[in-house]
Amino acid sequence: MTKPHALILAATLSCLSTASQAQQIEEVPFITSPDNVTLEMLSIAGVKRGDHVIDLGSGDGRIVILAARRFEATGLGVDIDPRLVEQSKTSARTAGVADKVEFREQDLFKTDLAPATVVTMYLLPEVNMQLRPALLALKPGTRIVSHDWDMGDWKPDRSTVLPVPNKAVGLEKSSKVHFWTVPARVEGLWCARGILRGVSIRLTQKYQAFEGTLAWRERTRGLAGTITGTELRTPAGSSGELVLQVTGDSLRITAAQGNMALAQGQTFTRTAGASCG
């Protein structure tokens, strides 16, 4: 997988002259992700049969090829270097996975990411930040993995550090692998129906963290926890753990303890109004 080069630099450093851009293209090296890092990127995302991996800046294609050969996934690799794209296609045929993977000479910013269940990348921090809105807009539950660079205040769900004794860039002879799960968008007011009519949940959200209030008549309960894909979970406390599942504009209590136990199975509907009628 390549460290960002060529048109990625041209996109992020648009103030450079054309001549300077050409000079940058020559100066940025092609850097592969070591085998242990490649394997960790796929393992931390739990890649398996049925997954579709899109690798942004795919270089020699090793991420996508390994995903198909070892984990039985399908994949797409995009890179702006035609030589690397052709090399990747040749390597896929040699590995016997040419029917499972595709490689395109393509601008990563123009790549349709919607089919991905997993997105992998080894890009500059500035490029990660430019991609962040598109990644957050993907289907909840989509897994994102980045080699070395994070995404600012969207903190990873999990990170690992691997030894890379022969690493060609940087002073540290190690690599970081960062993992995120795209969270569902849950901010707003949710109103209960049925036997709990009049009960409401109001939520705010920052990436995969949420806070809010469950209210019924004059009684309220504070809520705070994490979002993993479409699941919201509060830690077990004095009122017990609460687990909710969001599907579009529907929010269902799938597990409840303590004084909320009777609410298990209750469904709430997102509303644009200021209150629940």
C-alpha atoms as a PDB file:
ATOM      1  CA  MET A   1       0.000   0.000   0.000  1.00  0.00           C
ATOM      2  CA  THR A   2       1.426   3.363  -0.911  1.00  0.00           C
ATOM      3  CA  LYS A   3       2.172   6.264   1.295  1.00  0.00           C
ATOM      4  CA  PRO A   4       0.335   9.185  -0.372  1.00  0.00           C
ATOM      5  CA  HIS A   5       1.948  10.327  -3.554  1.00  0.00           C
ATOM      6  CA  ALA A   6       1.273  11.991  -6.892  1.00  0.00           C
ATOM      7  CA  LEU A   7      -2.267  13.310  -7.272  1.00  0.00           C
ATOM      8  CA  ILE A   8      -3.037  12.956  -3.556  1.00  0.00           C
ATOM      9  CA  LEU A   9      -0.363  15.539  -2.866  1.00  0.00           C
ATOM     10  CA  ALA A  10      -1.623  17.675  -5.703  1.00  0.00           C
ATOM     11  CA  ALA A  11      -5.108  17.605  -4.175  1.00  0.00           C
ATOM     12  CA  THR A  12      -4.005  18.472  -0.655  1.00  0.00           C
ATOM     13  CA  LEU A  13      -1.333  20.996  -1.580  1.00  0.00           C
ATOM     14  CA  SER A  14      -3.236  22.925  -4.216  1.00  0.00           C
ATOM     15  CA  CYS A  15      -1.224  26.062  -3.604  1.00  0.00           C
ATOM     16  CA  LEU A  16       1.834  24.532  -5.231  1.00  0.00           C
ATOM     17  CA  SER A  17       2.672  25.491  -8.815  1.00  0.00           C
ATOM     18  CA  THR A  18       2.471  22.861 -11.533  1.00  0.00           C
ATOM     19  CA  ALA A  19       6.253  22.583 -11.609  1.00  0.00           C
ATOM     20  CA  SER A  20       6.400  22.151  -7.842  1.00  0.00           C
ATOM     21  CA  GLN A  21       3.741  19.449  -7.991  1.00  0.00           C
ATOM     22  CA  ALA A  22       5.777  17.532 -10.525  1.00  0.00           C
ATOM     23  CA  GLN A  23       8.802  17.790  -8.272  1.00  0.00           C
ATOM     24  CA  GLN A  24       6.780  16.454  -5.323  1.00  0.00           C
ATOM     25  CA  ILE A  25       5.662  13.466  -7.386  1.00  0.00           C
ATOM     26  CA  GLU A  26       9.277  12.531  -8.004  1.00  0.00           C
ATOM     27  CA  GLU A  27      10.278  13.020  -4.357  1.00  0.00           C
ATOM     28  CA  VAL A  28       7.537  10.999  -2.607  1.00  0.00           C
ATOM     29  CA  PRO A  29       8.595   7.341  -2.410  1.00  0.00           C
ATOM     30  CA  PHE A  30       6.482   4.239  -2.901  1.00  0.00           C
ATOM     31  CA  ILE A  31       6.281   2.670   0.568  1.00  0.00           C
ATOM     32  CA  THR A  32       4.654  -0.685   1.244  1.00  0.00           C
ATOM     33  CA  SER A  33       2.882  -1.685   4.427  1.00  0.00           C
ATOM     34  CA  PRO A  34       4.881  -4.527   6.058  1.00  0.00           C
ATOM     35  CA  ASP A  35       3.233  -7.939   6.058  1.00  0.00           C
ATOM     36  CA  ASN A  36       2.541  -7.894   9.809  1.00  0.00           C
ATOM     37  CA  VAL A  37       0.851  -4.499   9.486  1.00  0.00           C
ATOM     38  CA  THR A  38      -1.200  -5.631   6.490  1.00  0.00           C
ATOM     39  CA  LEU A  39      -2.406  -8.683   8.400  1.00  0.00           C
ATOM     40  CA  GLU A  40      -3.236  -6.619  11.495  1.00  0.00           C
ATOM     41  CA  MET A  41      -5.253  -4.114   9.446  1.00  0.00           C
ATOM     42  CA  LEU A  42      -7.489  -6.899   8.171  1.00  0.00           C
ATOM     43  CA  SER A  43      -7.605  -8.743  11.493  1.00  0.00           C
ATOM     44  CA  ILE A  44      -8.543  -5.719  13.615  1.00  0.00           C
ATOM     45  CA  ALA A  45     -11.475  -5.112  11.246  1.00  0.00           C
ATOM     46  CA  GLY A  46     -12.588  -8.737  11.517  1.00  0.00           C
ATOM     47  CA  VAL A  47     -12.576  -9.207   7.741  1.00  0.00           C
ATOM     48  CA  LYS A  48     -14.381 -12.370   6.683  1.00  0.00           C
ATOM     49  CA  ARG A  49     -16.226 -13.979   3.804  1.00  0.00           C
ATOM     50  CA  GLY A  50     -18.965 -11.652   2.595  1.00  0.00           C
ATOM     51  CA  ASP A  51     -16.982  -8.493   3.288  1.00  0.00           C
ATOM     52  CA  HIS A  52     -16.018  -6.065   0.542  1.00  0.00           C
ATOM     53  CA  VAL A  53     -12.741  -4.263   1.245  1.00  0.00           C
ATOM     54  CA  ILE A  54     -11.941  -0.968  -0.491  1.00  0.00           C
ATOM     55  CA  ASP A  55      -8.291   0.048  -0.170  1.00  0.00           C
ATOM     56  CA  LEU A  56      -7.571   3.725  -0.861  1.00  0.00           C
ATOM     57  CA  GLY A  57      -4.060   4.185  -2.259  1.00  0.00           C
ATOM     58  CA  SER A  58      -3.680   0.456  -2.847  1.00  0.00           C
ATOM     59  CA  GLY A  59      -0.091   0.497  -4.148  1.00  0.00           C
ATOM     60  CA  ASP A  60       0.991  -3.039  -5.042  1.00  0.00           C
ATOM     61  CA  GLY A  61      -2.417  -4.428  -4.027  1.00  0.00           C
ATOM     62  CA  ARG A  62      -1.282  -6.498  -1.076  1.00  0.00           C
ATOM     63  CA  ILE A  63      -4.144  -5.515   1.282  1.00  0.00           C
ATOM     64  CA  VAL A  64      -6.909  -6.408  -1.158  1.00  0.00           C
ATOM     65  CA  ILE A  65      -5.159  -9.573  -2.334  1.00  0.00           C
ATOM     66  CA  LEU A  66      -4.604 -10.819   1.222  1.00  0.00           C
ATOM     67  CA  ALA A  67      -8.230 -10.033   2.091  1.00  0.00           C
ATOM     68  CA  ALA A  68      -9.364 -12.271  -0.762  1.00  0.00           C
ATOM     69  CA  ARG A  69      -6.749 -15.033  -0.396  1.00  0.00           C
ATOM     70  CA  ARG A  70      -6.768 -15.465   3.387  1.00  0.00           C
ATOM     71  CA  PHE A  71     -10.139 -14.087   4.493  1.00  0.00           C
ATOM     72  CA  GLU A  72     -12.265 -14.935   1.401  1.00  0.00           C
ATOM     73  CA  ALA A  73     -13.487 -11.358   1.008  1.00  0.00           C
ATOM     74  CA  THR A  74     -13.916  -9.417  -2.223  1.00  0.00           C
ATOM     75  CA  GLY A  75     -12.141  -6.142  -2.765  1.00  0.00           C
ATOM     76  CA  LEU A  76     -11.329  -3.037  -4.759  1.00  0.00           C
ATOM     77  CA  GLY A  77      -8.000  -1.220  -4.773  1.00  0.00           C
ATOM     78  CA  VAL A  78      -7.639   2.294  -6.184  1.00  0.00           C
ATOM     79  CA  ASP A  79      -4.375   4.064  -6.945  1.00  0.00           C
ATOM     80  CA  ILE A  80      -3.290   6.890  -9.239  1.00  0.00           C
ATOM     81  CA  ASP A  81      -0.112   5.141 -10.433  1.00  0.00           C
ATOM     82  CA  PRO A  82      -0.931   3.048 -13.533  1.00  0.00           C
ATOM     83  CA  ARG A  83       2.188   0.930 -13.083  1.00  0.00           C
ATOM     84  CA  LEU A  84       1.141  -0.112  -9.601  1.00  0.00           C
ATOM     85  CA  VAL A  85      -2.392  -0.845 -10.777  1.00  0.00           C
ATOM     86  CA  GLU A  86      -1.056  -3.183 -13.480  1.00  0.00           C
ATOM     87  CA  GLN A  87       1.336  -4.786 -10.987  1.00  0.00           C
ATOM     88  CA  SER A  88      -1.608  -5.378  -8.634  1.00  0.00           C
ATOM     89  CA  LYS A  89      -3.649  -7.050 -11.364  1.00  0.00           C
ATOM     90  CA  THR A  90      -0.734  -9.345 -12.183  1.00  0.00           C
ATOM     91  CA  SER A  91      -0.246 -10.212  -8.504  1.00  0.00           C
ATOM     92  CA  ALA A  92      -3.961 -10.984  -8.128  1.00  0.00           C
ATOM     93  CA  ARG A  93      -3.801 -13.426 -11.045  1.00  0.00           C
ATOM     94  CA  THR A  94      -0.711 -15.070  -9.571  1.00  0.00           C
ATOM     95  CA  ALA A  95      -2.453 -15.399  -6.195  1.00  0.00           C
ATOM     96  CA  GLY A  96      -5.514 -16.930  -7.849  1.00  0.00           C
ATOM     97  CA  VAL A  97      -7.934 -14.231  -6.672  1.00  0.00           C
ATOM     98  CA  ALA A  98      -8.402 -12.188  -9.847  1.00  0.00           C
ATOM     99  CA  ASP A  99     -12.091 -13.152  -9.836  1.00  0.00           C
ATOM    100  CA  LYS A 100     -12.553 -11.662  -6.354  1.00  0.00           C
ATOM    101  CA  VAL A 101     -10.685  -8.373  -6.619  1.00  0.00           C
ATOM    102  CA  GLU A 102     -10.496  -5.356  -8.890  1.00  0.00           C
ATOM    103  CA  PHE A 103      -7.895  -2.607  -9.244  1.00  0.00           C
ATOM    104  CA  ARG A 104      -8.536   0.788 -10.799  1.00  0.00           C
ATOM    105  CA  GLU A 105      -6.411   3.762 -11.734  1.00  0.00           C
ATOM    106  CA  GLN A 106      -8.590   6.324 -10.005  1.00  0.00           C
ATOM    107  CA  ASP A 107      -8.664   9.422  -7.812  1.00  0.00           C
ATOM    108  CA  LEU A 108      -9.551   8.175  -4.338  1.00  0.00           C
ATOM    109  CA  PHE A 109     -11.785  11.210  -3.737  1.00  0.00           C
ATOM    110  CA  LYS A 110     -13.935  10.125  -6.686  1.00  0.00           C
ATOM    111  CA  THR A 111     -14.264   6.538  -5.480  1.00  0.00           C
ATOM    112  CA  ASP A 112     -17.749   5.316  -4.541  1.00  0.00           C
ATOM    113  CA  LEU A 113     -17.241   3.957  -1.020  1.00  0.00           C
ATOM    114  CA  ALA A 114     -20.863   2.890  -0.481  1.00  0.00           C
ATOM    115  CA  PRO A 115     -20.301  -0.810  -1.406  1.00  0.00           C
ATOM    116  CA  ALA A 116     -17.552  -1.193   1.222  1.00  0.00           C
ATOM    117  CA  THR A 117     -18.002  -3.049   4.476  1.00  0.00           C
ATOM    118  CA  VAL A 118     -14.347  -2.251   5.255  1.00  0.00           C
ATOM    119  CA  VAL A 119     -12.235   0.719   4.101  1.00  0.00           C
ATOM    120  CA  THR A 120      -8.450   0.569   4.536  1.00  0.00           C
ATOM    121  CA  MET A 121      -5.923   3.346   3.922  1.00  0.00           C
ATOM    122  CA  TYR A 122      -2.342   4.531   4.428  1.00  0.00           C
ATOM    123  CA  LEU A 123      -2.619   8.217   3.667  1.00  0.00           C
ATOM    124  CA  LEU A 124      -1.361  11.570   4.912  1.00  0.00           C
ATOM    125  CA  PRO A 125      -3.187  13.066   7.936  1.00  0.00           C
ATOM    126  CA  GLU A 126      -4.558  15.905   5.789  1.00  0.00           C
ATOM    127  CA  VAL A 127      -6.045  13.402   3.357  1.00  0.00           C
ATOM    128  CA  ASN A 128      -7.619  11.405   6.179  1.00  0.00           C
ATOM    129  CA  MET A 129      -9.291  14.602   7.374  1.00  0.00           C
ATOM    130  CA  GLN A 130     -10.598  15.395   3.901  1.00  0.00           C
ATOM    131  CA  LEU A 131     -12.032  11.877   3.662  1.00  0.00           C
ATOM    132  CA  ARG A 132     -13.573  11.937   7.137  1.00  0.00           C
ATOM    133  CA  PRO A 133     -16.990  13.405   6.173  1.00  0.00           C
ATOM    134  CA  ALA A 134     -17.426  10.798   3.447  1.00  0.00           C
ATOM    135  CA  LEU A 135     -16.411   8.003   5.825  1.00  0.00           C
ATOM    136  CA  LEU A 136     -18.822   9.170   8.543  1.00  0.00           C
ATOM    137  CA  ALA A 137     -21.611   9.220   5.944  1.00  0.00           C
ATOM    138  CA  LEU A 138     -21.162   5.522   5.154  1.00  0.00           C
ATOM    139  CA  LYS A 139     -23.611   2.869   6.311  1.00  0.00           C
ATOM    140  CA  PRO A 140     -23.485   2.441  10.100  1.00  0.00           C
ATOM    141  CA  GLY A 141     -21.302  -0.521  10.980  1.00  0.00           C
ATOM    142  CA  THR A 142     -18.830   0.039   8.136  1.00  0.00           C
ATOM    143  CA  ARG A 143     -15.312  -0.566   9.496  1.00  0.00           C
ATOM    144  CA  ILE A 144     -12.453   1.849   8.834  1.00  0.00           C
ATOM    145  CA  VAL A 145      -8.754   1.037   9.287  1.00  0.00           C
ATOM    146  CA  SER A 146      -5.846   3.462   8.925  1.00  0.00           C
ATOM    147  CA  HIS A 147      -2.132   2.700   9.011  1.00  0.00           C
ATOM    148  CA  ASP A 148      -0.272   5.205  11.234  1.00  0.00           C
ATOM    149  CA  TRP A 149      -2.527   8.262  10.908  1.00  0.00           C
ATOM    150  CA  ASP A 150      -5.708   8.981  12.854  1.00  0.00           C
ATOM    151  CA  MET A 151      -8.666  11.271  12.064  1.00  0.00           C
ATOM    152  CA  GLY A 152      -8.351  14.160  14.464  1.00  0.00           C
ATOM    153  CA  ASP A 153     -10.973  14.334  17.192  1.00  0.00           C
ATOM    154  CA  TRP A 154     -12.801  11.290  15.809  1.00  0.00           C
ATOM    155  CA  LYS A 155     -10.901   8.997  18.141  1.00  0.00           C
ATOM    156  CA  PRO A 156     -10.362   5.354  17.157  1.00  0.00           C
ATOM    157  CA  ASP A 157     -12.389   2.617  18.800  1.00  0.00           C
ATOM    158  CA  ARG A 158      -9.156   0.686  19.112  1.00  0.00           C
ATOM    159  CA  SER A 159      -5.485   1.075  18.194  1.00  0.00           C
ATOM    160  CA  THR A 160      -2.561  -1.335  18.152  1.00  0.00           C
ATOM    161  CA  VAL A 161       1.189  -0.777  17.799  1.00  0.00           C
ATOM    162  CA  LEU A 162       3.353  -3.228  15.851  1.00  0.00           C
ATOM    163  CA  PRO A 163       7.146  -3.483  15.589  1.00  0.00           C
ATOM    164  CA  VAL A 164       8.544  -2.581  12.152  1.00  0.00           C
ATOM    165  CA  PRO A 165      12.372  -2.746  12.531  1.00  0.00           C
ATOM    166  CA  ASN A 166      13.055  -1.815   8.912  1.00  0.00           C
ATOM    167  CA  LYS A 167      10.539   1.033   8.633  1.00  0.00           C
ATOM    168  CA  ALA A 168      11.773   3.475   6.013  1.00  0.00           C
ATOM    169  CA  VAL A 169      10.050   6.631   7.285  1.00  0.00           C
ATOM    170  CA  GLY A 170       9.996   8.296  10.681  1.00  0.00           C
ATOM    171  CA  LEU A 171      12.165   7.786  13.729  1.00  0.00           C
ATOM    172  CA  GLU A 172       9.974   5.178  15.416  1.00  0.00           C
ATOM    173  CA  LYS A 173      10.506   1.627  14.195  1.00  0.00           C
ATOM    174  CA  SER A 174       6.877   0.744  14.711  1.00  0.00           C
ATOM    175  CA  SER A 175       3.493   1.236  13.065  1.00  0.00           C
ATOM    176  CA  LYS A 176       0.116   2.138  14.515  1.00  0.00           C
ATOM    177  CA  VAL A 177      -3.089   0.578  13.252  1.00  0.00           C
ATOM    178  CA  HIS A 178      -6.262   2.556  14.050  1.00  0.00           C
ATOM    179  CA  PHE A 179      -9.784   1.115  13.841  1.00  0.00           C
ATOM    180  CA  TRP A 180     -13.204   2.814  13.761  1.00  0.00           C
ATOM    181  CA  THR A 181     -16.768   1.618  13.274  1.00  0.00           C
ATOM    182  CA  VAL A 182     -19.029   4.134  11.541  1.00  0.00           C
ATOM    183  CA  PRO A 183     -21.711   5.088  14.090  1.00  0.00           C
ATOM    184  CA  ALA A 184     -25.392   5.498  13.344  1.00  0.00           C
ATOM    185  CA  ARG A 185     -26.653   9.073  13.539  1.00  0.00           C
ATOM    186  CA  VAL A 186     -28.925   9.203  16.567  1.00  0.00           C
ATOM    187  CA  GLU A 187     -29.005  12.845  17.621  1.00  0.00           C
ATOM    188  CA  GLY A 188     -32.493  14.235  18.165  1.00  0.00           C
ATOM    189  CA  LEU A 189     -35.793  13.518  19.884  1.00  0.00           C
ATOM    190  CA  TRP A 190     -37.280  10.002  19.956  1.00  0.00           C
ATOM    191  CA  CYS A 191     -40.873   9.410  21.069  1.00  0.00           C
ATOM    192  CA  ALA A 192     -42.330   6.180  22.454  1.00  0.00           C
ATOM    193  CA  ARG A 193     -45.522   4.635  21.206  1.00  0.00           C
ATOM    194  CA  GLY A 194     -47.825   1.999  22.659  1.00  0.00           C
ATOM    195  CA  ILE A 195     -47.939   1.416  26.422  1.00  0.00           C
ATOM    196  CA  LEU A 196     -45.113   3.884  27.044  1.00  0.00           C
ATOM    197  CA  ARG A 197     -46.687   6.694  25.060  1.00  0.00           C
ATOM    198  CA  GLY A 198     -45.386  10.008  26.394  1.00  0.00           C
ATOM    199  CA  VAL A 199     -41.943   8.653  27.213  1.00  0.00           C
ATOM    200  CA  SER A 200     -39.172  10.372  25.251  1.00  0.00           C
ATOM    201  CA  ILE A 201     -35.460  10.020  24.642  1.00  0.00           C
ATOM    202  CA  ARG A 202     -33.475  13.102  23.648  1.00  0.00           C
ATOM    203  CA  LEU A 203     -29.914  12.453  22.448  1.00  0.00           C
ATOM    204  CA  THR A 204     -26.838  14.410  21.487  1.00  0.00           C
ATOM    205  CA  GLN A 205     -23.889  12.784  19.760  1.00  0.00           C
ATOM    206  CA  LYS A 206     -20.212  13.293  19.057  1.00  0.00           C
ATOM    207  CA  TYR A 207     -19.023  10.563  16.728  1.00  0.00           C
ATOM    208  CA  GLN A 208     -19.419   7.246  18.614  1.00  0.00           C
ATOM    209  CA  ALA A 209     -20.260   8.824  21.988  1.00  0.00           C
ATOM    210  CA  PHE A 210     -23.782   9.858  22.989  1.00  0.00           C
ATOM    211  CA  GLU A 211     -25.464  11.598  25.902  1.00  0.00           C
ATOM    212  CA  GLY A 212     -29.081  12.297  26.597  1.00  0.00           C
ATOM    213  CA  THR A 213     -32.132  12.045  28.796  1.00  0.00           C
ATOM    214  CA  LEU A 214     -34.956   9.556  29.045  1.00  0.00           C
ATOM    215  CA  ALA A 215     -38.043  11.385  30.328  1.00  0.00           C
ATOM    216  CA  TRP A 216     -41.492  10.303  31.473  1.00  0.00           C
ATOM    217  CA  ARG A 217     -43.829  12.805  33.128  1.00  0.00           C
ATOM    218  CA  GLU A 218     -41.719  14.476  35.819  1.00  0.00           C
ATOM    219  CA  ARG A 219     -39.083  11.766  36.012  1.00  0.00           C
ATOM    220  CA  THR A 220     -35.847  11.688  34.046  1.00  0.00           C
ATOM    221  CA  ARG A 221     -32.858   9.395  33.670  1.00  0.00           C
ATOM    222  CA  GLY A 222     -29.556  10.537  32.267  1.00  0.00           C
ATOM    223  CA  LEU A 223     -28.086   8.483  29.457  1.00  0.00           C
ATOM    224  CA  ALA A 224     -24.480   8.289  28.292  1.00  0.00           C
ATOM    225  CA  GLY A 225     -22.605   5.639  26.406  1.00  0.00           C
ATOM    226  CA  THR A 226     -21.118   4.506  23.130  1.00  0.00           C
ATOM    227  CA  ILE A 227     -22.442   3.721  19.669  1.00  0.00           C
ATOM    228  CA  THR A 228     -21.082   0.691  17.843  1.00  0.00           C
ATOM    229  CA  GLY A 229     -22.592   0.681  14.385  1.00  0.00           C
ATOM    230  CA  THR A 230     -26.333   0.638  15.083  1.00  0.00           C
ATOM    231  CA  GLU A 231     -26.121  -0.366  18.755  1.00  0.00           C
ATOM    232  CA  LEU A 232     -26.219   2.112  21.647  1.00  0.00           C
ATOM    233  CA  ARG A 233     -25.031   0.878  25.021  1.00  0.00           C
ATOM    234  CA  THR A 234     -24.884   2.548  28.425  1.00  0.00           C
ATOM    235  CA  PRO A 235     -22.538   1.068  31.048  1.00  0.00           C
ATOM    236  CA  ALA A 236     -24.079  -0.851  33.903  1.00  0.00           C
ATOM    237  CA  GLY A 237     -24.634   1.547  36.798  1.00  0.00           C
ATOM    238  CA  SER A 238     -27.139   2.024  39.575  1.00  0.00           C
ATOM    239  CA  SER A 239     -29.983   1.721  37.052  1.00  0.00           C
ATOM    240  CA  GLY A 240     -28.416  -1.163  35.145  1.00  0.00           C
ATOM    241  CA  GLU A 241     -27.202  -1.434  31.567  1.00  0.00           C
ATOM    242  CA  LEU A 242     -29.407  -0.214  28.741  1.00  0.00           C
ATOM    243  CA  VAL A 243     -28.979  -1.414  25.153  1.00  0.00           C
ATOM    244  CA  LEU A 244     -30.794   0.140  22.199  1.00  0.00           C
ATOM    245  CA  GLN A 245     -30.793  -0.704  18.501  1.00  0.00           C
ATOM    246  CA  VAL A 246     -31.392   1.912  15.837  1.00  0.00           C
ATOM    247  CA  THR A 247     -32.866   1.110  12.430  1.00  0.00           C
ATOM    248  CA  GLY A 248     -33.417   4.234  10.359  1.00  0.00           C
ATOM    249  CA  ASP A 249     -35.860   6.364  12.353  1.00  0.00           C
ATOM    250  CA  SER A 250     -36.716   3.592  14.777  1.00  0.00           C
ATOM    251  CA  LEU A 251     -34.965   3.075  18.147  1.00  0.00           C
ATOM    252  CA  ARG A 252     -35.707  -0.113  20.105  1.00  0.00           C
ATOM    253  CA  ILE A 253     -34.739  -1.050  23.661  1.00  0.00           C
ATOM    254  CA  THR A 254     -33.258  -4.526  23.238  1.00  0.00           C
ATOM    255  CA  ALA A 255     -31.977  -5.024  26.796  1.00  0.00           C
ATOM    256  CA  ALA A 256     -32.827  -3.245  30.051  1.00  0.00           C
ATOM    257  CA  GLN A 257     -32.238  -3.808  33.730  1.00  0.00           C
ATOM    258  CA  GLY A 258     -33.504  -2.426  37.020  1.00  0.00           C
ATOM    259  CA  ASN A 259     -36.460  -0.062  36.857  1.00  0.00           C
ATOM    260  CA  MET A 260     -36.262  -0.077  33.049  1.00  0.00           C
ATOM    261  CA  ALA A 261     -36.688  -3.841  32.693  1.00  0.00           C
ATOM    262  CA  LEU A 262     -40.366  -3.541  31.746  1.00  0.00           C
ATOM    263  CA  ALA A 263     -39.410  -1.233  28.860  1.00  0.00           C
ATOM    264  CA  GLN A 264     -37.462  -3.960  27.059  1.00  0.00           C
ATOM    265  CA  GLY A 265     -38.830  -4.299  23.549  1.00  0.00           C
ATOM    266  CA  GLN A 266     -40.269  -0.774  23.494  1.00  0.00           C
ATOM    267  CA  THR A 267     -39.783   1.158  20.256  1.00  0.00           C
ATOM    268  CA  PHE A 268     -39.235   4.897  19.837  1.00  0.00           C
ATOM    269  CA  THR A 269     -39.653   6.902  16.646  1.00  0.00           C
ATOM    270  CA  ARG A 270     -37.501   9.867  15.680  1.00  0.00           C
ATOM    271  CA  THR A 271     -39.470  13.111  15.451  1.00  0.00           C
ATOM    272  CA  ALA A 272     -38.721  16.529  14.042  1.00  0.00           C
ATOM    273  CA  GLY A 273     -40.971  18.162  16.614  1.00  0.00           C
ATOM    274  CA  ALA A 274     -39.949  19.932  19.794  1.00  0.00           C
ATOM    275  CA  SER A 275     -41.762  17.495  22.069  1.00  0.00           C
ATOM    276  CA  CYS A 276     -43.591  14.175  22.095  1.00  0.00           C
ATOM    277  CA  GLY A 277     -47.343  14.560  21.919  1.00  0.00           C
END
